[in-house]
PDB file of N, CA and C in Angstrom:
ATOM      1  N   MET A   1       0.915  -1.402   0.109  1.00  0.00           N
ATOM      2  CA  MET A   1       0.207  -0.112   0.085  1.00  0.00           C
ATOM      3  C   MET A   1       0.881   1.096  -0.025  1.00  0.00           C
ATOM      4  N   MET A   2       1.926   1.502   0.997  1.00  0.00           N
ATOM      5  CA  MET A   2       3.005   2.303   1.029  1.00  0.00           C
ATOM      6  C   MET A   2       3.634   2.459  -0.261  1.00  0.00           C
ATOM      7  N   LEU A   3       3.938   1.581  -0.874  1.00  0.00           N
ATOM      8  CA  LEU A   3       4.881   1.550  -2.150  1.00  0.00           C
ATOM      9  C   LEU A   3       3.775   1.752  -3.321  1.00  0.00           C
ATOM     10  N   SER A   4       2.879   1.654  -3.048  1.00  0.00           N
ATOM     11  CA  SER A   4       1.829   2.200  -4.154  1.00  0.00           C
ATOM     12  C   SER A   4       1.511   3.668  -4.378  1.00  0.00           C
ATOM     13  N   GLY A   5       1.742   4.011  -3.302  1.00  0.00           N
ATOM     14  CA  GLY A   5       1.246   5.599  -2.725  1.00  0.00           C
ATOM     15  C   GLY A   5      -0.072   5.733  -2.449  1.00  0.00           C
ATOM     16  N   ASN A   6      -0.600   4.744  -2.107  1.00  0.00           N
ATOM     17  CA  ASN A   6      -1.920   4.735  -1.640  1.00  0.00           C
ATOM     18  C   ASN A   6      -2.061   4.942   0.135  1.00  0.00           C
ATOM     19  N   PHE A   7      -1.337   6.115   0.543  1.00  0.00           N
ATOM     20  CA  PHE A   7      -1.224   6.517   1.828  1.00  0.00           C
ATOM     21  C   PHE A   7      -2.172   6.651   2.742  1.00  0.00           C
ATOM     22  N   PRO A   8      -3.618   7.065   2.290  1.00  0.00           N
ATOM     23  CA  PRO A   8      -4.866   6.958   3.099  1.00  0.00           C
ATOM     24  C   PRO A   8      -4.928   5.609   3.600  1.00  0.00           C
ATOM     25  N   ILE A   9      -4.846   4.475   2.857  1.00  0.00           N
ATOM     26  CA  ILE A   9      -5.180   2.901   3.164  1.00  0.00           C
ATOM     27  C   ILE A   9      -4.017   2.681   4.102  1.00  0.00           C
ATOM     28  N   ALA A  10      -2.557   2.979   3.640  1.00  0.00           N
ATOM     29  CA  ALA A  10      -1.431   2.489   4.485  1.00  0.00           C
ATOM     30  C   ALA A  10      -1.661   3.138   5.821  1.00  0.00           C
ATOM     31  N   HIS A  11      -1.912   4.498   6.026  1.00  0.00           N
ATOM     32  CA  HIS A  11      -2.093   5.121   7.184  1.00  0.00           C
ATOM     33  C   HIS A  11      -3.219   4.585   8.073  1.00  0.00           C
ATOM     34  N   LYS A  12      -4.344   4.076   7.596  1.00  0.00           N
ATOM     35  CA  LYS A  12      -5.378   3.534   8.189  1.00  0.00           C
ATOM     36  C   LYS A  12      -4.523   2.051   8.900  1.00  0.00           C
ATOM     37  N   GLN A  13      -4.125   1.466   7.921  1.00  0.00           N
ATOM     38  CA  GLN A  13      -3.495   0.005   8.352  1.00  0.00           C
ATOM     39  C   GLN A  13      -2.308   0.032   9.386  1.00  0.00           C
ATOM     40  N   PHE A  14      -1.435   1.192   9.397  1.00  0.00           N
ATOM     41  CA  PHE A  14      -0.432   1.230  10.303  1.00  0.00           C
ATOM     42  C   PHE A  14      -1.100   1.661  11.655  1.00  0.00           C
ATOM     43  N   LYS A  15      -2.016   2.715  11.732  1.00  0.00           N
ATOM     44  CA  LYS A  15      -2.861   3.137  12.954  1.00  0.00           C
ATOM     45  C   LYS A  15      -3.135   1.794  13.515  1.00  0.00           C
ATOM     46  N   LYS A  16      -3.646   0.967  13.011  1.00  0.00           N
ATOM     47  CA  LYS A  16      -4.350  -0.324  13.431  1.00  0.00           C
ATOM     48  C   LYS A  16      -3.397  -1.240  14.044  1.00  0.00           C
ATOM     49  N   THR A  17      -2.251  -1.134  13.387  1.00  0.00           N
ATOM     50  CA  THR A  17      -1.221  -2.120  13.667  1.00  0.00           C
ATOM     51  C   THR A  17      -0.417  -1.358  15.071  1.00  0.00           C
ATOM     52  N   ILE A  18      -0.505  -0.343  15.097  1.00  0.00           N
ATOM     53  CA  ILE A  18       0.337   0.351  16.412  1.00  0.00           C
ATOM     54  C   ILE A  18      -0.827  -0.192  17.517  1.00  0.00           C
ATOM     55  N   GLU A  19      -2.093  -0.085  17.371  1.00  0.00           N
ATOM     56  CA  GLU A  19      -3.031  -0.616  18.571  1.00  0.00           C
ATOM     57  C   GLU A  19      -2.694  -1.874  18.992  1.00  0.00           C
ATOM     58  N   LEU A  20      -2.212  -2.583  17.917  1.00  0.00           N
ATOM     59  CA  LEU A  20      -1.676  -4.335  18.173  1.00  0.00           C
ATOM     60  C   LEU A  20      -0.495  -4.454  18.740  1.00  0.00           C
ATOM     61  N   SER A  21       0.531  -3.580  17.928  1.00  0.00           N
ATOM     62  CA  SER A  21       2.073  -3.843  18.273  1.00  0.00           C
ATOM     63  C   SER A  21       2.944  -2.496  18.256  1.00  0.00           C
ATOM     64  N   GLU A  22       3.019  -2.106  19.139  1.00  0.00           N
ATOM     65  CA  GLU A  22       3.887  -0.957  19.061  1.00  0.00           C
ATOM     66  C   GLU A  22       5.527  -1.355  19.447  1.00  0.00           C
ATOM     67  N   ASN A  23       6.046  -1.184  18.193  1.00  0.00           N
ATOM     68  CA  ASN A  23       7.152  -1.484  18.019  1.00  0.00           C
ATOM     69  C   ASN A  23       8.194  -0.698  17.115  1.00  0.00           C
ATOM     70  N   TYR A  24       9.422  -0.792  16.680  1.00  0.00           N
ATOM     71  CA  TYR A  24      10.465   0.271  16.076  1.00  0.00           C
ATOM     72  C   TYR A  24       9.746   0.483  14.618  1.00  0.00           C
ATOM     73  N   TYR A  25       9.566  -0.978  14.100  1.00  0.00           N
ATOM     74  CA  TYR A  25       9.135  -0.957  12.643  1.00  0.00           C
ATOM     75  C   TYR A  25       8.087  -0.203  12.330  1.00  0.00           C
ATOM     76  N   THR A  26       6.995  -0.471  13.260  1.00  0.00           N
ATOM     77  CA  THR A  26       5.756  -0.008  13.075  1.00  0.00           C
ATOM     78  C   THR A  26       5.666   1.629  13.105  1.00  0.00           C
ATOM     79  N   TYR A  27       6.211   2.056  14.375  1.00  0.00           N
ATOM     80  CA  TYR A  27       6.320   3.552  14.473  1.00  0.00           C
ATOM     81  C   TYR A  27       6.952   4.278  13.166  1.00  0.00           C
ATOM     82  N   LEU A  28       8.320   3.488  12.645  1.00  0.00           N
ATOM     83  CA  LEU A  28       9.240   3.930  12.016  1.00  0.00           C
ATOM     84  C   LEU A  28       8.277   4.113  10.407  1.00  0.00           C
ATOM     85  N   ASN A  29       7.443   3.128  10.493  1.00  0.00           N
ATOM     86  CA  ASN A  29       6.673   3.189   8.897  1.00  0.00           C
ATOM     87  C   ASN A  29       5.659   4.531   8.888  1.00  0.00           C
ATOM     88  N   TYR A  30       5.032   4.316  10.283  1.00  0.00           N
ATOM     89  CA  TYR A  30       4.037   5.232  10.356  1.00  0.00           C
ATOM     90  C   TYR A  30       4.567   6.542  10.288  1.00  0.00           C
ATOM     91  N   GLY A  31       5.856   7.109  10.790  1.00  0.00           N
ATOM     92  CA  GLY A  31       6.344   8.177  10.423  1.00  0.00           C
ATOM     93  C   GLY A  31       6.587   8.495   9.338  1.00  0.00           C
ATOM     94  N   VAL A  32       7.027   7.544   8.314  1.00  0.00           N
ATOM     95  CA  VAL A  32       6.915   7.737   6.681  1.00  0.00           C
ATOM     96  C   VAL A  32       5.704   8.311   6.166  1.00  0.00           C
ATOM     97  N   ILE A  33       4.676   7.430   6.596  1.00  0.00           N
ATOM     98  CA  ILE A  33       3.505   7.769   5.929  1.00  0.00           C
ATOM     99  C   ILE A  33       3.118   9.286   6.373  1.00  0.00           C
ATOM    100  N   THR A  34       3.238   9.834   7.591  1.00  0.00           N
ATOM    101  CA  THR A  34       2.917  10.969   8.174  1.00  0.00           C
ATOM    102  C   THR A  34       3.898  12.124   7.411  1.00  0.00           C
ATOM    103  N   LEU A  35       5.064  11.556   7.136  1.00  0.00           N
ATOM    104  CA  LEU A  35       6.046  12.636   6.400  1.00  0.00           C
ATOM    105  C   LEU A  35       5.475  12.806   4.919  1.00  0.00           C
ATOM    106  N   PHE A  36       5.123  11.752   4.273  1.00  0.00           N
ATOM    107  CA  PHE A  36       4.680  11.613   2.977  1.00  0.00           C
ATOM    108  C   PHE A  36       3.257  12.589   2.923  1.00  0.00           C
ATOM    109  N   GLU A  37       2.941  12.481   4.043  1.00  0.00           N
ATOM    110  CA  GLU A  37       1.432  13.491   3.989  1.00  0.00           C
ATOM    111  C   GLU A  37       1.295  14.645   4.285  1.00  0.00           C
ATOM    112  N   LYS A  38       2.935  15.164   4.590  1.00  0.00           N
ATOM    113  CA  LYS A  38       3.329  16.316   5.116  1.00  0.00           C
ATOM    114  C   LYS A  38       2.639  16.888   6.465  1.00  0.00           C
ATOM    115  N   ASN A  39       2.601  15.709   7.368  1.00  0.00           N
ATOM    116  CA  ASN A  39       1.940  15.946   8.399  1.00  0.00           C
ATOM    117  C   ASN A  39       3.161  15.761   9.510  1.00  0.00           C
ATOM    118  N   TYR A  40       4.084  16.942   9.513  1.00  0.00           N
ATOM    119  CA  TYR A  40       5.364  16.878  10.182  1.00  0.00           C
ATOM    120  C   TYR A  40       5.155  16.746  11.364  1.00  0.00           C
ATOM    121  N   GLU A  41       4.472  17.295  12.174  1.00  0.00           N
ATOM    122  CA  GLU A  41       4.327  17.243  13.865  1.00  0.00           C
ATOM    123  C   GLU A  41       4.303  15.906  14.311  1.00  0.00           C
ATOM    124  N   GLU A  42       3.091  15.056  13.662  1.00  0.00           N
ATOM    125  CA  GLU A  42       3.116  13.775  13.631  1.00  0.00           C
ATOM    126  C   GLU A  42       4.094  12.809  13.570  1.00  0.00           C
ATOM    127  N   SER A  43       4.724  13.236  12.290  1.00  0.00           N
ATOM    128  CA  SER A  43       6.093  12.264  12.067  1.00  0.00           C
ATOM    129  C   SER A  43       6.842  12.510  12.798  1.00  0.00           C
ATOM    130  N   ILE A  44       7.308  13.599  13.533  1.00  0.00           N
ATOM    131  CA  ILE A  44       8.444  13.913  14.530  1.00  0.00           C
ATOM    132  C   ILE A  44       8.059  12.994  15.467  1.00  0.00           C
ATOM    133  N   ASN A  45       6.592  13.064  15.855  1.00  0.00           N
ATOM    134  CA  ASN A  45       6.192  12.049  17.049  1.00  0.00           C
ATOM    135  C   ASN A  45       6.758  10.649  16.936  1.00  0.00           C
ATOM    136  N   TYR A  46       6.440  10.265  15.832  1.00  0.00           N
ATOM    137  CA  TYR A  46       6.667   8.790  15.541  1.00  0.00           C
ATOM    138  C   TYR A  46       7.732   8.581  15.330  1.00  0.00           C
ATOM    139  N   PHE A  47       8.753   9.195  14.663  1.00  0.00           N
ATOM    140  CA  PHE A  47      10.229   8.857  14.673  1.00  0.00           C
ATOM    141  C   PHE A  47      10.661   8.972  16.017  1.00  0.00           C
ATOM    142  N   ASN A  48      10.228   9.863  16.838  1.00  0.00           N
ATOM    143  CA  ASN A  48      10.919   9.899  18.198  1.00  0.00           C
ATOM    144  C   ASN A  48      10.555   8.316  19.153  1.00  0.00           C
ATOM    145  N   LYS A  49       9.293   7.993  18.940  1.00  0.00           N
ATOM    146  CA  LYS A  49       8.863   7.032  19.377  1.00  0.00           C
ATOM    147  C   LYS A  49       9.527   5.643  18.931  1.00  0.00           C
ATOM    148  N   ALA A  50      10.074   5.636  17.622  1.00  0.00           N
ATOM    149  CA  ALA A  50      10.690   4.554  16.848  1.00  0.00           C
ATOM    150  C   ALA A  50      12.213   4.543  17.693  1.00  0.00           C
ATOM    151  N   ILE A  51      12.839   5.737  17.860  1.00  0.00           N
ATOM    152  CA  ILE A  51      13.881   5.950  18.665  1.00  0.00           C
ATOM    153  C   ILE A  51      13.913   5.431  19.907  1.00  0.00           C
ATOM    154  N   LYS A  52      12.848   5.656  20.770  1.00  0.00           N
ATOM    155  CA  LYS A  52      12.751   5.507  21.954  1.00  0.00           C
ATOM    156  C   LYS A  52      12.607   3.682  22.226  1.00  0.00           C
ATOM    157  N   CYS A  53      12.153   3.055  21.043  1.00  0.00           N
ATOM    158  CA  CYS A  53      12.026   1.957  21.107  1.00  0.00           C
ATOM    159  C   CYS A  53      13.167   1.012  20.715  1.00  0.00           C
ATOM    160  N   ASN A  54      14.116   1.532  19.724  1.00  0.00           N
ATOM    161  CA  ASN A  54      15.335   1.201  19.494  1.00  0.00           C
ATOM    162  C   ASN A  54      16.401   2.196  19.071  1.00  0.00           C
ATOM    163  N   PRO A  55      16.960   2.502  20.141  1.00  0.00           N
ATOM    164  CA  PRO A  55      17.900   3.950  19.963  1.00  0.00           C
ATOM    165  C   PRO A  55      19.189   3.755  18.772  1.00  0.00           C
ATOM    166  N   ASN A  56      19.197   2.259  18.636  1.00  0.00           N
ATOM    167  CA  ASN A  56      20.289   1.792  17.790  1.00  0.00           C
ATOM    168  C   ASN A  56      20.275   1.771  16.462  1.00  0.00           C
ATOM    169  N   GLN A  57      18.823   2.061  15.621  1.00  0.00           N
ATOM    170  CA  GLN A  57      18.831   2.130  14.395  1.00  0.00           C
ATOM    171  C   GLN A  57      18.982   3.256  14.001  1.00  0.00           C
ATOM    172  N   ALA A  58      19.322   3.495  12.815  1.00  0.00           N
ATOM    173  CA  ALA A  58      19.682   4.677  11.872  1.00  0.00           C
ATOM    174  C   ALA A  58      18.674   5.565  11.368  1.00  0.00           C
ATOM    175  N   GLU A  59      17.547   4.452  11.016  1.00  0.00           N
ATOM    176  CA  GLU A  59      16.497   4.992   9.791  1.00  0.00           C
ATOM    177  C   GLU A  59      15.760   6.155  10.574  1.00  0.00           C
ATOM    178  N   ALA A  60      15.573   5.679  11.937  1.00  0.00           N
ATOM    179  CA  ALA A  60      14.238   6.935  12.383  1.00  0.00           C
ATOM    180  C   ALA A  60      15.073   8.166  12.688  1.00  0.00           C
ATOM    181  N   TYR A  61      16.241   8.132  12.893  1.00  0.00           N
ATOM    182  CA  TYR A  61      16.977   9.453  12.837  1.00  0.00           C
ATOM    183  C   TYR A  61      17.429  10.061  11.734  1.00  0.00           C
ATOM    184  N   PHE A  62      17.465   9.276  10.534  1.00  0.00           N
ATOM    185  CA  PHE A  62      17.861   9.845   9.538  1.00  0.00           C
ATOM    186  C   PHE A  62      16.419  10.573   8.686  1.00  0.00           C
ATOM    187  N   ASN A  63      15.201   9.983   9.219  1.00  0.00           N
ATOM    188  CA  ASN A  63      13.968  10.318   8.811  1.00  0.00           C
ATOM    189  C   ASN A  63      13.692  11.469   9.302  1.00  0.00           C
ATOM    190  N   LEU A  64      13.876  11.612  10.738  1.00  0.00           N
ATOM    191  CA  LEU A  64      13.568  12.676  11.635  1.00  0.00           C
ATOM    192  C   LEU A  64      14.462  14.053  11.287  1.00  0.00           C
ATOM    193  N   ALA A  65      15.653  13.956  11.026  1.00  0.00           N
ATOM    194  CA  ALA A  65      16.483  14.864  10.235  1.00  0.00           C
ATOM    195  C   ALA A  65      15.739  15.538   9.189  1.00  0.00           C
ATOM    196  N   ARG A  66      15.169  14.419   8.450  1.00  0.00           N
ATOM    197  CA  ARG A  66      14.372  14.841   6.824  1.00  0.00           C
ATOM    198  C   ARG A  66      13.438  15.876   7.516  1.00  0.00           C
ATOM    199  N   VAL A  67      12.402  15.408   8.477  1.00  0.00           N
ATOM    200  CA  VAL A  67      11.380  16.515   8.805  1.00  0.00           C
ATOM    201  C   VAL A  67      11.917  17.821   9.277  1.00  0.00           C
ATOM    202  N   TYR A  68      12.938  17.481  10.107  1.00  0.00           N
ATOM    203  CA  TYR A  68      13.451  19.130  10.639  1.00  0.00           C
ATOM    204  C   TYR A  68      14.085  19.771   9.536  1.00  0.00           C
ATOM    205  N   LEU A  69      14.702  19.190   8.590  1.00  0.00           N
ATOM    206  CA  LEU A  69      15.167  19.967   7.568  1.00  0.00           C
ATOM    207  C   LEU A  69      13.711  20.651   6.512  1.00  0.00           C
ATOM    208  N   LEU A  70      12.843  19.979   6.535  1.00  0.00           N
ATOM    209  CA  LEU A  70      11.687  20.422   5.888  1.00  0.00           C
ATOM    210  C   LEU A  70      11.067  21.656   6.636  1.00  0.00           C
ATOM    211  N   ASN A  71      11.379  21.534   7.869  1.00  0.00           N
ATOM    212  CA  ASN A  71      10.634  22.642   8.619  1.00  0.00           C
ATOM    213  C   ASN A  71      11.717  23.595   9.113  1.00  0.00           C
ATOM    214  N   LYS A  72      12.925  23.514   8.433  1.00  0.00           N
ATOM    215  CA  LYS A  72      14.004  24.702   8.449  1.00  0.00           C
ATOM    216  C   LYS A  72      14.686  24.616   9.926  1.00  0.00           C
ATOM    217  N   GLN A  73      14.377  23.426  10.513  1.00  0.00           N
ATOM    218  CA  GLN A  73      15.159  23.381  12.017  1.00  0.00           C
ATOM    219  C   GLN A  73      16.409  22.874  11.484  1.00  0.00           C
ATOM    220  N   ILE A  74      17.425  23.457  11.172  1.00  0.00           N
ATOM    221  CA  ILE A  74      18.667  23.007  10.968  1.00  0.00           C
ATOM    222  C   ILE A  74      19.576  22.463  11.941  1.00  0.00           C
ATOM    223  N   SER A  75      19.597  23.101  12.934  1.00  0.00           N
ATOM    224  CA  SER A  75      20.602  22.367  14.154  1.00  0.00           C
ATOM    225  C   SER A  75      19.929  21.089  14.477  1.00  0.00           C
ATOM    226  N   ASN A  76      18.443  20.683  14.483  1.00  0.00           N
ATOM    227  CA  ASN A  76      18.145  19.572  15.020  1.00  0.00           C
ATOM    228  C   ASN A  76      18.251  18.593  13.812  1.00  0.00           C
ATOM    229  N   ALA A  77      18.233  18.922  12.586  1.00  0.00           N
ATOM    230  CA  ALA A  77      18.339  18.048  11.414  1.00  0.00           C
ATOM    231  C   ALA A  77      20.102  17.281  11.652  1.00  0.00           C
ATOM    232  N   ILE A  78      20.795  18.370  11.963  1.00  0.00           N
ATOM    233  CA  ILE A  78      22.198  18.233  12.039  1.00  0.00           C
ATOM    234  C   ILE A  78      22.508  16.878  12.977  1.00  0.00           C
ATOM    235  N   VAL A  79      21.993  17.447  14.177  1.00  0.00           N
ATOM    236  CA  VAL A  79      22.011  16.319  15.289  1.00  0.00           C
ATOM    237  C   VAL A  79      21.576  15.160  15.065  1.00  0.00           C
ATOM    238  N   ASN A  80      20.299  14.911  14.476  1.00  0.00           N
ATOM    239  CA  ASN A  80      19.663  13.672  13.860  1.00  0.00           C
ATOM    240  C   ASN A  80      20.642  12.948  12.909  1.00  0.00           C
ATOM    241  N   LEU A  81      21.060  13.760  11.996  1.00  0.00           N
ATOM    242  CA  LEU A  81      21.925  13.147  10.698  1.00  0.00           C
ATOM    243  C   LEU A  81      23.308  12.681  11.640  1.00  0.00           C
ATOM    244  N   GLU A  82      23.736  13.169  12.562  1.00  0.00           N
ATOM    245  CA  GLU A  82      25.080  12.937  12.979  1.00  0.00           C
ATOM    246  C   GLU A  82      24.661  11.519  13.852  1.00  0.00           C
ATOM    247  N   ASN A  83      23.824  11.609  14.613  1.00  0.00           N
ATOM    248  CA  ASN A  83      23.460  10.367  15.054  1.00  0.00           C
ATOM    249  C   ASN A  83      22.979   9.027  14.442  1.00  0.00           C
ATOM    250  N   ALA A  84      22.144   9.473  13.101  1.00  0.00           N
ATOM    251  CA  ALA A  84      22.303   8.421  11.854  1.00  0.00           C
ATOM    252  C   ALA A  84      23.462   7.816  11.427  1.00  0.00           C
ATOM    253  N   CYS A  85      24.129   8.786  11.275  1.00  0.00           N
ATOM    254  CA  CYS A  85      25.725   8.472  10.477  1.00  0.00           C
ATOM    255  C   CYS A  85      26.742   7.654  11.527  1.00  0.00           C
ATOM    256  N   LYS A  86      26.488   7.904  12.995  1.00  0.00           N
ATOM    257  CA  LYS A  86      27.007   6.878  14.185  1.00  0.00           C
ATOM    258  C   LYS A  86      26.611   5.628  13.880  1.00  0.00           C
ATOM    259  N   LYS A  87      25.026   5.263  13.800  1.00  0.00           N
ATOM    260  CA  LYS A  87      24.616   4.105  13.863  1.00  0.00           C
ATOM    261  C   LYS A  87      25.074   3.333  12.660  1.00  0.00           C
ATOM    262  N   ASN A  88      25.130   4.017  11.304  1.00  0.00           N
ATOM    263  CA  ASN A  88      25.307   3.328  10.081  1.00  0.00           C
ATOM    264  C   ASN A  88      26.062   4.458   9.202  1.00  0.00           C
ATOM    265  N   GLU A  89      27.453   4.305   9.072  1.00  0.00           N
ATOM    266  CA  GLU A  89      28.308   5.242   8.275  1.00  0.00           C
ATOM    267  C   GLU A  89      27.910   5.076   7.022  1.00  0.00           C
ATOM    268  N   GLN A  90      27.163   4.268   6.444  1.00  0.00           N
ATOM    269  CA  GLN A  90      26.872   4.198   4.804  1.00  0.00           C
ATOM    270  C   GLN A  90      25.816   5.321   4.743  1.00  0.00           C
ATOM    271  N   LEU A  91      25.128   6.124   5.721  1.00  0.00           N
ATOM    272  CA  LEU A  91      24.484   6.636   5.390  1.00  0.00           C
ATOM    273  C   LEU A  91      25.194   8.405   5.311  1.00  0.00           C
ATOM    274  N   LYS A  92      26.426   8.598   5.359  1.00  0.00           N
ATOM    275  CA  LYS A  92      27.226   9.774   5.539  1.00  0.00           C
ATOM    276  C   LYS A  92      27.059  10.222   3.809  1.00  0.00           C
ATOM    277  N   PRO A  93      27.194   9.521   3.008  1.00  0.00           N
ATOM    278  CA  PRO A  93      27.162  10.428   1.574  1.00  0.00           C
ATOM    279  C   PRO A  93      25.535  11.116   1.336  1.00  0.00           C
ATOM    280  N   ALA A  94      24.409  10.270   1.919  1.00  0.00           N
ATOM    281  CA  ALA A  94      23.485  10.841   1.793  1.00  0.00           C
ATOM    282  C   ALA A  94      23.048  11.777   2.669  1.00  0.00           C
ATOM    283  N   ALA A  95      23.582  11.872   3.959  1.00  0.00           N
ATOM    284  CA  ALA A  95      23.705  13.097   5.088  1.00  0.00           C
ATOM    285  C   ALA A  95      24.431  14.328   4.181  1.00  0.00           C
ATOM    286  N   ILE A  96      25.185  14.079   3.588  1.00  0.00           N
ATOM    287  CA  ILE A  96      26.101  15.440   3.195  1.00  0.00           C
ATOM    288  C   ILE A  96      25.035  15.697   1.895  1.00  0.00           C
ATOM    289  N   LYS A  97      24.588  14.961   1.197  1.00  0.00           N
ATOM    290  CA  LYS A  97      23.837  15.635   0.026  1.00  0.00           C
ATOM    291  C   LYS A  97      22.396  16.199   0.852  1.00  0.00           C
ATOM    292  N   MET A  98      22.000  15.681   1.672  1.00  0.00           N
ATOM    293  CA  MET A  98      20.969  16.286   2.318  1.00  0.00           C
ATOM    294  C   MET A  98      21.128  17.854   2.650  1.00  0.00           C
ATOM    295  N   LEU A  99      22.301  17.782   3.306  1.00  0.00           N
ATOM    296  CA  LEU A  99      22.581  19.551   3.662  1.00  0.00           C
ATOM    297  C   LEU A  99      23.017  20.128   2.320  1.00  0.00           C
ATOM    298  N   LYS A 100      23.242  20.154   1.279  1.00  0.00           N
ATOM    299  CA  LYS A 100      23.660  20.867   0.262  1.00  0.00           C
ATOM    300  C   LYS A 100      22.427  21.478  -0.102  1.00  0.00           C
TER     301      LYS A 100
END
């Protein structure tokens, strides 16, 4: 659903999934959905929940940085990109590209 761009259905399905199972990937994916829907406040909330569930995964930090960049909160974006790159050094080229 998410890959096909059908975000309203994906949104509804992940909301149900969160009610059944609160975990890193559920929060991460719901954060991505809300990011694509441009609901940035909700995205920040769910990426932070994902980080709280598993602070060792890079993806939530990276996506949180994307939201902060879209909101022109550069210092918050940089902090989260640094955290993402500490967790996964392969993200460094993408992080540098995001900041240009």
